[in-house]
Amino acid sequence: MAMGKRTPLFLTALALAAPLTLVSAVSQPAAVAPPTASGDQVFDAWASDFQPRAIAAGISPAVFAREFAGLTPEPRVAALDSRQPEFSKPVGDYLKGVVTADRAAIGQRRRADVAEFGAIEARWGVSRDILIGIWALESGFGALQGDTDVIRALATLAADGRRRAWAEGELIAALTVIQTGEHPRAWLRGSWAGAMGQTQFIPSTFLTTAVDHDGDGRRDIWGSRADALASAANLLAKAGWTPGQDWAREVIAPPGFDFSLTEGPRETPAWWAERGLRRADGRTWPAADAAAKAQLVAPSGAGGPLFLLFPNHFALRQYNNSLAYALGVGLLADRFAGAPPIVTAWPVEAPLSLRDRMTAQRALNALGFDAGQPDGVVGQGTRRALRAWQKARGLTADGYLSTEMVQKLAAEAGAS
């Protein structure tokens, strides 16, 4: 998401730094009082350290003092941020829980319920079905926005230190929203991670991207679905959304297909057809898609559904950089528009433990295939290394880490 930045108040900084002998004739700025103590030593030390950075970024001492008065860390936020799940949820299990008949039915009703969709589509070029998909996943169509004090949540994340630079930037953005008078702090409610409103914008994205679509004079992503959905459309348009082009399409691979091409080249559907891929629904490619370059993914390995991802998929990833999330939004959007479920069923997958995932990463590194720092997160680096190992061993090189692959890797690394 786009990050906003305020220009430092250079004159104030110079006045504070100037020697007394040079400014004796000028009234001195009042000393800035340190934040009030919360009783948590780590939090208080961070708040005192953060105060001058916030002021240098344009937050007035008075606003800082008011919003930090009595501020304490939120234990639940720190716990959630540091939690590393023992078992990773397979993509197929996630999507089977997200793309449901009930949610599709609700989304289809929303297509006609929101009168502003026509104007939003005309202005930003993003289809209502994609916007409803985001709305569904981000807040349950506006019903589940979160009720956490965003200032307190972001201060807790910043003090915790794991994502300090990011959290401080978002905290300054939230304080800016308050300082400008656009919204009082009581409005800034959201998730434990600082995302707000019906479409879950972080504060910096709110500043740069939220819009007042209903014309009431304020950007209200909490109470106005027109503002919230138009703001999401604006975000996708800024991310490069191409009107009239698909987001992705399910495909079928022939026997003997080279799955090492997954997450690799971005080529036209014709290029992929030369290698045997065909649309799962049997249709031809419309002109806008035929001219676009797409990337192949196999989220559940060669035995699961395969997708060609078009540029609009990657625009969705600017909203939330998760393959599973973007697939969820897109597959829901297809269902809202009346499309049937995907052709290939999601396979039954066994969740991998944190130990299994780290074992695989260590084994790949030991065998000379760079999976990066073993952290249990099976990202692109791990999948790239796994595909290279699979191809070198004559296995299906789909980069899918299954229990069987973990066992094979551990056995080979142990033997070596």
Protein backbone atom coordinates (compact mmCIF):
# COMPACT_ATOMS: atom_id res chain seq x y z
CA MET A 1 0.00 0.00 0.00
CA ALA A 2 1.12 3.52 -0.68
CA MET A 3 2.89 5.26 2.13
CA GLY A 4 2.49 9.01 2.74
CA LYS A 5 5.21 11.31 4.11
CA ARG A 6 5.00 14.71 5.71
CA THR A 7 7.70 17.39 5.21
CA PRO A 8 9.65 18.02 8.46
CA LEU A 9 9.12 21.40 10.10
CA PHE A 10 12.60 22.73 9.34
CA LEU A 11 12.00 26.15 10.89
CA THR A 12 10.90 24.62 14.16
CA ALA A 13 13.89 22.27 14.12
CA LEU A 14 16.28 25.16 13.48
CA ALA A 15 14.75 27.25 16.24
CA LEU A 16 15.14 24.41 18.71
CA ALA A 17 18.74 23.85 17.65
CA ALA A 18 19.88 27.53 17.58
CA PRO A 19 22.18 28.81 20.39
CA LEU A 20 20.52 30.99 23.01
CA THR A 21 22.88 33.89 22.25
CA LEU A 22 21.50 34.11 18.72
CA VAL A 23 17.82 34.03 19.61
CA SER A 24 17.74 35.91 22.90
CA ALA A 25 15.47 38.51 21.38
CA VAL A 26 13.04 35.90 20.17
CA SER A 27 10.55 34.13 22.40
CA GLN A 28 11.68 30.57 23.04
CA PRO A 29 9.52 27.58 22.16
CA ALA A 30 8.10 25.88 25.17
CA ALA A 31 9.91 22.74 26.27
CA VAL A 32 8.24 19.59 25.05
CA ALA A 33 7.14 17.47 27.96
CA PRO A 34 7.97 13.76 27.74
CA PRO A 35 5.08 11.33 27.29
CA THR A 36 3.31 10.32 30.47
CA ALA A 37 4.58 7.05 31.91
CA SER A 38 2.51 3.94 31.28
CA GLY A 39 4.30 1.78 33.82
CA ASP A 40 5.76 -0.43 31.06
CA GLN A 41 9.47 0.42 30.88
CA VAL A 42 9.99 -0.82 27.31
CA PHE A 43 6.93 1.04 26.04
CA ASP A 44 7.82 4.24 27.89
CA ALA A 45 11.39 4.20 26.60
CA TRP A 46 10.14 3.78 23.05
CA ALA A 47 7.53 6.57 23.44
CA SER A 48 10.16 9.03 24.68
CA ASP A 49 12.44 8.07 21.81
CA PHE A 50 9.62 8.31 19.25
CA GLN A 51 8.32 11.71 20.35
CA PRO A 52 10.95 13.88 18.61
CA ARG A 53 10.62 11.83 15.41
CA ALA A 54 6.87 12.35 15.38
CA ILE A 55 7.27 16.09 15.96
CA ALA A 56 9.91 16.32 13.22
CA ALA A 57 7.43 14.60 10.89
CA GLY A 58 4.88 17.35 11.51
CA ILE A 59 2.87 16.18 14.52
CA SER A 60 2.38 19.08 16.91
CA PRO A 61 3.60 18.63 20.50
CA ALA A 62 0.08 19.35 21.74
CA VAL A 63 -1.50 16.61 19.59
CA PHE A 64 1.23 14.15 20.56
CA ALA A 65 0.83 14.92 24.26
CA ARG A 66 -2.95 14.61 24.09
CA GLU A 67 -3.01 11.32 22.21
CA PHE A 68 -0.22 9.73 24.25
CA ALA A 69 -1.64 10.81 27.62
CA GLY A 70 -2.41 7.61 29.52
CA LEU A 71 -1.49 5.45 26.53
CA THR A 72 -0.52 1.90 27.45
CA PRO A 73 0.48 -1.09 25.33
CA GLU A 74 -2.21 -3.54 24.29
CA PRO A 75 -1.06 -7.05 25.34
CA ARG A 76 -3.35 -8.78 22.85
CA VAL A 77 -1.76 -6.94 19.93
CA ALA A 78 1.77 -7.93 20.94
CA ALA A 79 0.70 -11.55 21.37
CA LEU A 80 -1.00 -11.71 17.99
CA ASP A 81 1.92 -10.06 16.20
CA SER A 82 4.49 -12.48 17.60
CA ARG A 83 2.42 -15.62 17.10
CA GLN A 84 3.91 -18.16 14.70
CA PRO A 85 1.28 -20.80 13.95
CA GLU A 86 2.43 -24.35 14.62
CA PHE A 87 0.64 -25.62 11.52
CA SER A 88 0.30 -23.78 8.21
CA LYS A 89 -3.14 -23.90 6.60
CA PRO A 90 -2.97 -25.31 3.07
CA VAL A 91 -4.08 -22.89 0.35
CA GLY A 92 -6.81 -25.24 -0.76
CA ASP A 93 -8.28 -25.46 2.75
CA TYR A 94 -8.25 -21.67 3.02
CA LEU A 95 -9.99 -21.21 -0.33
CA LYS A 96 -12.57 -23.91 0.36
CA GLY A 97 -13.48 -21.95 3.48
CA VAL A 98 -13.56 -18.60 1.66
CA VAL A 99 -15.26 -19.35 -1.66
CA THR A 100 -18.54 -20.75 -0.38
CA ALA A 101 -22.05 -20.90 -1.83
CA ASP A 102 -23.39 -18.74 1.01
CA ARG A 103 -20.83 -16.01 0.47
CA ALA A 104 -21.39 -16.15 -3.28
CA ALA A 105 -25.14 -15.69 -2.76
CA ILE A 106 -24.61 -12.68 -0.49
CA GLY A 107 -22.20 -11.13 -2.99
CA GLN A 108 -24.64 -11.60 -5.84
CA ARG A 109 -27.29 -9.71 -3.86
CA ARG A 110 -24.81 -6.89 -3.14
CA ARG A 111 -24.22 -6.42 -6.88
CA ALA A 112 -27.64 -4.78 -7.13
CA ASP A 113 -27.84 -3.33 -3.62
CA VAL A 114 -25.11 -0.71 -4.00
CA ALA A 115 -26.40 2.03 -6.29
CA GLU A 116 -22.97 3.66 -6.60
CA PHE A 117 -21.31 0.73 -8.37
CA GLY A 118 -22.05 2.08 -11.84
CA ALA A 119 -20.32 5.38 -11.13
CA ILE A 120 -17.40 3.66 -9.39
CA GLU A 121 -16.84 1.31 -12.32
CA ALA A 122 -17.05 4.17 -14.80
CA ARG A 123 -14.50 6.30 -12.94
CA TRP A 124 -11.90 3.71 -11.90
CA GLY A 125 -12.51 0.81 -14.28
CA VAL A 126 -12.60 -1.86 -11.58
CA SER A 127 -15.49 -4.30 -11.74
CA ARG A 128 -18.03 -4.40 -8.93
CA ASP A 129 -17.43 -8.13 -8.51
CA ILE A 130 -13.77 -7.62 -7.61
CA LEU A 131 -14.70 -4.84 -5.20
CA ILE A 132 -17.36 -7.02 -3.56
CA GLY A 133 -14.76 -9.79 -3.22
CA ILE A 134 -12.45 -7.42 -1.34
CA TRP A 135 -15.37 -6.18 0.76
CA ALA A 136 -16.32 -9.76 1.62
CA LEU A 137 -12.85 -10.84 2.72
CA GLU A 138 -11.78 -7.64 4.45
CA SER A 139 -14.82 -7.06 6.64
CA GLY A 140 -17.61 -9.53 5.87
CA PHE A 141 -19.34 -6.96 3.63
CA GLY A 142 -18.75 -4.23 6.24
CA ALA A 143 -20.01 -6.14 9.28
CA LEU A 144 -16.64 -7.02 10.87
CA GLN A 145 -14.41 -3.94 10.80
CA GLY A 146 -12.62 -4.43 14.13
CA ASP A 147 -12.96 -2.31 17.26
CA THR A 148 -9.33 -1.83 18.30
CA ASP A 149 -7.98 1.67 19.02
CA VAL A 150 -5.64 2.08 16.05
CA ILE A 151 -3.36 4.54 17.88
CA ARG A 152 -2.87 2.09 20.75
CA ALA A 153 -2.41 -0.88 18.41
CA LEU A 154 0.23 0.84 16.27
CA ALA A 155 2.06 2.20 19.32
CA THR A 156 2.19 -1.34 20.72
CA LEU A 157 3.58 -2.71 17.46
CA ALA A 158 6.16 0.06 17.26
CA ALA A 159 7.33 -0.42 20.85
CA ASP A 160 7.55 -4.18 20.33
CA GLY A 161 10.19 -3.50 17.69
CA ARG A 162 9.67 -6.31 15.19
CA ARG A 163 8.14 -3.92 12.62
CA ARG A 164 9.07 -0.64 14.27
CA ALA A 165 9.80 1.49 11.20
CA TRP A 166 6.56 0.44 9.51
CA ALA A 167 4.45 0.85 12.66
CA GLU A 168 5.92 4.28 13.45
CA GLY A 169 5.16 5.46 9.91
CA GLU A 170 1.57 4.27 10.22
CA LEU A 171 1.25 5.84 13.67
CA ILE A 172 2.40 9.20 12.32
CA ALA A 173 -0.15 8.83 9.51
CA ALA A 174 -2.92 8.09 12.03
CA LEU A 175 -1.89 11.08 14.16
CA THR A 176 -1.95 13.19 10.99
CA VAL A 177 -5.56 12.17 10.31
CA ILE A 178 -6.44 13.37 13.82
CA GLN A 179 -4.35 16.55 13.63
CA THR A 180 -5.90 17.69 10.35
CA GLY A 181 -9.33 17.38 11.92
CA GLU A 182 -10.54 14.93 9.28
CA HIS A 183 -11.54 12.40 11.93
CA PRO A 184 -11.22 12.25 15.73
CA ARG A 185 -9.41 9.39 17.36
CA ALA A 186 -12.71 7.73 18.30
CA TRP A 187 -13.27 7.08 14.59
CA LEU A 188 -9.92 5.35 14.09
CA ARG A 189 -11.04 1.85 15.01
CA GLY A 190 -9.92 -1.26 13.20
CA SER A 191 -7.98 -4.50 13.39
CA TRP A 192 -5.19 -5.28 15.84
CA ALA A 193 -2.72 -4.59 13.00
CA GLY A 194 -4.03 -1.07 12.34
CA ALA A 195 -6.25 -1.68 9.30
CA MET A 196 -9.45 0.36 9.31
CA GLY A 197 -12.93 0.46 7.90
CA GLN A 198 -15.00 -1.65 5.55
CA THR A 199 -12.07 -2.17 3.20
CA GLN A 200 -9.37 -2.24 5.93
CA PHE A 201 -7.03 0.59 4.92
CA ILE A 202 -3.91 1.26 6.95
CA PRO A 203 -3.59 4.95 7.92
CA SER A 204 -1.02 5.89 5.27
CA THR A 205 -3.21 4.40 2.56
CA PHE A 206 -6.20 6.27 3.94
CA LEU A 207 -4.28 9.55 3.62
CA THR A 208 -3.16 8.94 0.04
CA THR A 209 -5.96 6.88 -1.45
CA ALA A 210 -9.31 7.17 0.38
CA VAL A 211 -11.95 9.18 -1.48
CA ASP A 212 -15.21 10.95 -0.64
CA HIS A 213 -17.43 9.32 -3.23
CA ASP A 214 -20.78 10.11 -1.66
CA GLY A 215 -19.97 13.84 -1.62
CA ASP A 216 -20.72 14.53 2.05
CA GLY A 217 -17.41 16.31 2.59
CA ARG A 218 -15.50 13.59 4.40
CA ARG A 219 -13.77 10.33 3.50
CA ASP A 220 -15.68 7.81 5.58
CA ILE A 221 -14.48 4.24 5.00
CA TRP A 222 -16.27 3.10 8.18
CA GLY A 223 -19.85 4.21 7.70
CA SER A 224 -20.13 4.89 3.96
CA ARG A 225 -19.94 1.85 1.73
CA ALA A 226 -19.75 4.17 -1.29
CA ASP A 227 -16.60 5.81 0.10
CA ALA A 228 -15.11 2.48 1.18
CA LEU A 229 -15.67 0.70 -2.14
CA ALA A 230 -14.61 3.71 -4.22
CA SER A 231 -11.45 3.97 -2.13
CA ALA A 232 -10.67 0.30 -2.83
CA ALA A 233 -11.22 0.94 -6.54
CA ASN A 234 -8.86 3.91 -6.39
CA LEU A 235 -6.21 1.75 -4.72
CA LEU A 236 -6.45 -0.90 -7.45
CA ALA A 237 -6.41 1.73 -10.19
CA LYS A 238 -3.23 3.20 -8.71
CA ALA A 239 -1.77 -0.33 -8.57
CA GLY A 240 -2.22 -0.67 -12.33
CA TRP A 241 -5.60 -2.33 -12.74
CA THR A 242 -6.43 -2.79 -16.44
CA PRO A 243 -10.15 -2.40 -17.24
CA GLY A 244 -11.62 -5.21 -19.32
CA GLN A 245 -8.84 -7.67 -18.58
CA ASP A 246 -9.26 -10.80 -16.51
CA TRP A 247 -7.51 -11.33 -13.17
CA ALA A 248 -6.68 -15.04 -13.72
CA ARG A 249 -8.07 -18.14 -15.36
CA GLU A 250 -7.93 -21.83 -14.46
CA VAL A 251 -5.97 -23.99 -16.92
CA ILE A 252 -5.25 -27.69 -17.49
CA ALA A 253 -1.74 -29.04 -18.14
CA PRO A 254 -0.96 -32.00 -20.40
CA PRO A 255 0.88 -35.16 -19.23
CA GLY A 256 4.60 -34.57 -18.92
CA PHE A 257 4.25 -30.80 -18.53
CA ASP A 258 7.34 -29.00 -17.19
CA PHE A 259 6.11 -27.67 -13.84
CA SER A 260 9.39 -25.91 -13.20
CA LEU A 261 7.79 -23.10 -15.23
CA THR A 262 5.46 -22.29 -12.32
CA GLU A 263 6.06 -18.88 -10.74
CA GLY A 264 8.44 -18.21 -13.60
CA PRO A 265 7.99 -16.54 -17.00
CA ARG A 266 5.13 -14.19 -17.79
CA GLU A 267 4.01 -14.95 -21.31
CA THR A 268 0.91 -14.71 -23.49
CA PRO A 269 -1.75 -17.42 -23.44
CA ALA A 270 -0.57 -18.42 -26.93
CA TRP A 271 2.93 -19.09 -25.57
CA TRP A 272 1.47 -21.25 -22.82
CA ALA A 273 -0.77 -23.04 -25.33
CA GLU A 274 2.32 -24.03 -27.31
CA ARG A 275 3.43 -25.89 -24.18
CA GLY A 276 0.13 -27.65 -23.84
CA LEU A 277 -1.88 -25.50 -21.44
CA ARG A 278 -5.56 -24.98 -22.20
CA ARG A 279 -8.39 -23.19 -20.44
CA ALA A 280 -10.20 -25.46 -18.02
CA ASP A 281 -13.58 -24.17 -19.20
CA GLY A 282 -12.74 -24.89 -22.84
CA ARG A 283 -13.33 -21.32 -24.00
CA THR A 284 -11.11 -19.18 -26.19
CA TRP A 285 -9.20 -16.22 -24.82
CA PRO A 286 -10.83 -12.79 -25.28
CA ALA A 287 -8.67 -10.23 -27.06
CA ALA A 288 -7.69 -8.32 -23.91
CA ASP A 289 -6.42 -11.49 -22.24
CA ALA A 290 -4.82 -12.92 -25.38
CA ALA A 291 -2.57 -9.86 -25.60
CA ALA A 292 -1.57 -9.92 -21.93
CA LYS A 293 1.28 -11.79 -20.30
CA ALA A 294 0.42 -14.27 -17.58
CA GLN A 295 2.28 -16.35 -15.01
CA LEU A 296 1.47 -19.96 -14.14
CA VAL A 297 0.93 -21.01 -10.51
CA ALA A 298 0.17 -24.37 -8.92
CA PRO A 299 -0.89 -23.41 -5.37
CA SER A 300 -1.47 -27.03 -4.29
CA GLY A 301 1.07 -28.64 -6.57
CA ALA A 302 0.67 -30.43 -9.89
CA GLY A 303 -2.30 -32.38 -8.57
CA GLY A 304 -4.41 -29.33 -7.76
CA PRO A 305 -5.94 -26.45 -9.72
CA LEU A 306 -3.60 -24.48 -11.98
CA PHE A 307 -4.03 -20.81 -12.82
CA LEU A 308 -2.62 -18.33 -15.30
CA LEU A 309 -2.31 -15.05 -13.43
CA PHE A 310 -2.85 -11.86 -15.44
CA PRO A 311 -1.53 -8.40 -14.47
CA ASN A 312 -4.74 -7.60 -12.58
CA HIS A 313 -3.95 -10.42 -10.16
CA PHE A 314 -0.75 -8.62 -9.24
CA ALA A 315 -2.68 -5.38 -8.79
CA LEU A 316 -4.76 -7.26 -6.21
CA ARG A 317 -1.51 -8.30 -4.53
CA GLN A 318 -0.79 -4.61 -3.93
CA TYR A 319 -3.85 -4.66 -1.69
CA ASN A 320 -2.69 -7.75 0.17
CA ASN A 321 0.48 -9.49 -1.00
CA SER A 322 -0.82 -13.02 -0.59
CA LEU A 323 -1.47 -15.50 -3.38
CA ALA A 324 -4.25 -17.14 -1.34
CA TYR A 325 -5.94 -13.78 -0.65
CA ALA A 326 -5.84 -12.67 -4.29
CA LEU A 327 -7.15 -16.05 -5.46
CA GLY A 328 -9.94 -15.79 -2.88
CA VAL A 329 -10.99 -12.34 -4.08
CA GLY A 330 -10.85 -13.34 -7.74
CA LEU A 331 -12.65 -16.68 -7.38
CA LEU A 332 -15.37 -15.01 -5.33
CA ALA A 333 -15.71 -12.30 -7.98
CA ASP A 334 -16.17 -14.97 -10.65
CA ARG A 335 -18.92 -16.59 -8.58
CA PHE A 336 -20.64 -13.23 -8.01
CA ALA A 337 -20.71 -12.79 -11.78
CA GLY A 338 -22.42 -16.17 -12.20
CA ALA A 339 -19.43 -18.37 -13.12
CA PRO A 340 -19.45 -22.01 -11.93
CA PRO A 341 -16.88 -23.36 -9.45
CA ILE A 342 -13.41 -24.23 -10.72
CA VAL A 343 -13.06 -27.50 -12.65
CA THR A 344 -10.23 -29.16 -10.72
CA ALA A 345 -11.04 -29.86 -7.09
CA TRP A 346 -8.68 -28.77 -4.36
CA PRO A 347 -6.84 -31.86 -3.07
CA VAL A 348 -6.91 -33.05 0.52
CA GLU A 349 -3.72 -31.65 2.03
CA ALA A 350 -2.02 -32.37 5.32
CA PRO A 351 -0.99 -29.21 7.21
CA LEU A 352 2.76 -28.99 7.75
CA SER A 353 4.11 -28.21 11.18
CA LEU A 354 6.60 -25.42 11.79
CA ARG A 355 9.21 -28.08 12.45
CA ASP A 356 8.48 -29.77 9.09
CA ARG A 357 8.79 -26.50 7.19
CA MET A 358 12.06 -25.56 8.86
CA THR A 359 13.40 -29.09 8.40
CA ALA A 360 12.78 -28.80 4.64
CA GLN A 361 14.48 -25.41 4.47
CA ARG A 362 17.54 -26.63 6.38
CA ALA A 363 17.75 -29.73 4.20
CA LEU A 364 17.58 -27.71 0.99
CA ASN A 365 20.36 -25.45 2.23
CA ALA A 366 22.49 -28.44 3.28
CA LEU A 367 22.04 -30.00 -0.17
CA GLY A 368 23.16 -26.83 -1.94
CA PHE A 369 19.76 -25.37 -2.86
CA ASP A 370 19.44 -21.93 -1.29
CA ALA A 371 16.15 -21.65 0.59
CA GLY A 372 17.29 -18.66 2.64
CA GLN A 373 17.15 -18.36 6.40
CA PRO A 374 15.10 -21.25 7.84
CA ASP A 375 12.06 -19.50 9.31
CA GLY A 376 9.19 -21.84 8.57
CA VAL A 377 7.68 -19.48 5.99
CA VAL A 378 7.38 -21.27 2.65
CA GLY A 379 7.80 -18.27 0.38
CA GLN A 380 9.06 -17.85 -3.16
CA GLY A 381 12.68 -18.46 -2.18
CA THR A 382 11.87 -21.81 -0.58
CA ARG A 383 9.66 -22.86 -3.48
CA ARG A 384 12.33 -21.86 -6.01
CA ALA A 385 14.91 -23.95 -4.19
CA LEU A 386 12.50 -26.87 -3.91
CA ARG A 387 11.72 -26.78 -7.63
CA ALA A 388 15.44 -26.82 -8.43
CA TRP A 389 15.98 -29.81 -6.12
CA GLN A 390 12.93 -31.63 -7.51
CA LYS A 391 14.10 -31.10 -11.09
CA ALA A 392 17.62 -32.26 -10.27
CA ARG A 393 16.18 -35.45 -8.74
CA GLY A 394 13.81 -36.19 -11.64
CA LEU A 395 10.68 -35.37 -9.61
CA THR A 396 7.70 -33.25 -10.65
CA ALA A 397 9.21 -29.78 -10.17
CA ASP A 398 6.09 -27.96 -8.94
CA GLY A 399 7.70 -26.43 -5.85
CA TYR A 400 4.96 -27.86 -3.64
CA LEU A 401 6.12 -28.82 -0.16
CA SER A 402 4.17 -31.88 0.91
CA THR A 403 4.80 -34.28 3.79
CA GLU A 404 6.36 -36.65 1.27
CA MET A 405 8.76 -33.96 0.06
CA VAL A 406 9.76 -33.12 3.64
CA GLN A 407 10.54 -36.79 4.29
CA LYS A 408 12.57 -37.15 1.08
CA LEU A 409 14.56 -33.99 1.80
CA ALA A 410 15.27 -34.97 5.41
CA ALA A 411 16.37 -38.46 4.38
CA GLU A 412 18.74 -37.18 1.67
CA ALA A 413 20.21 -34.44 3.85
CA GLY A 414 20.67 -36.91 6.72
CA ALA A 415 22.39 -39.43 4.46
CA SER A 416 24.72 -36.80 3.06
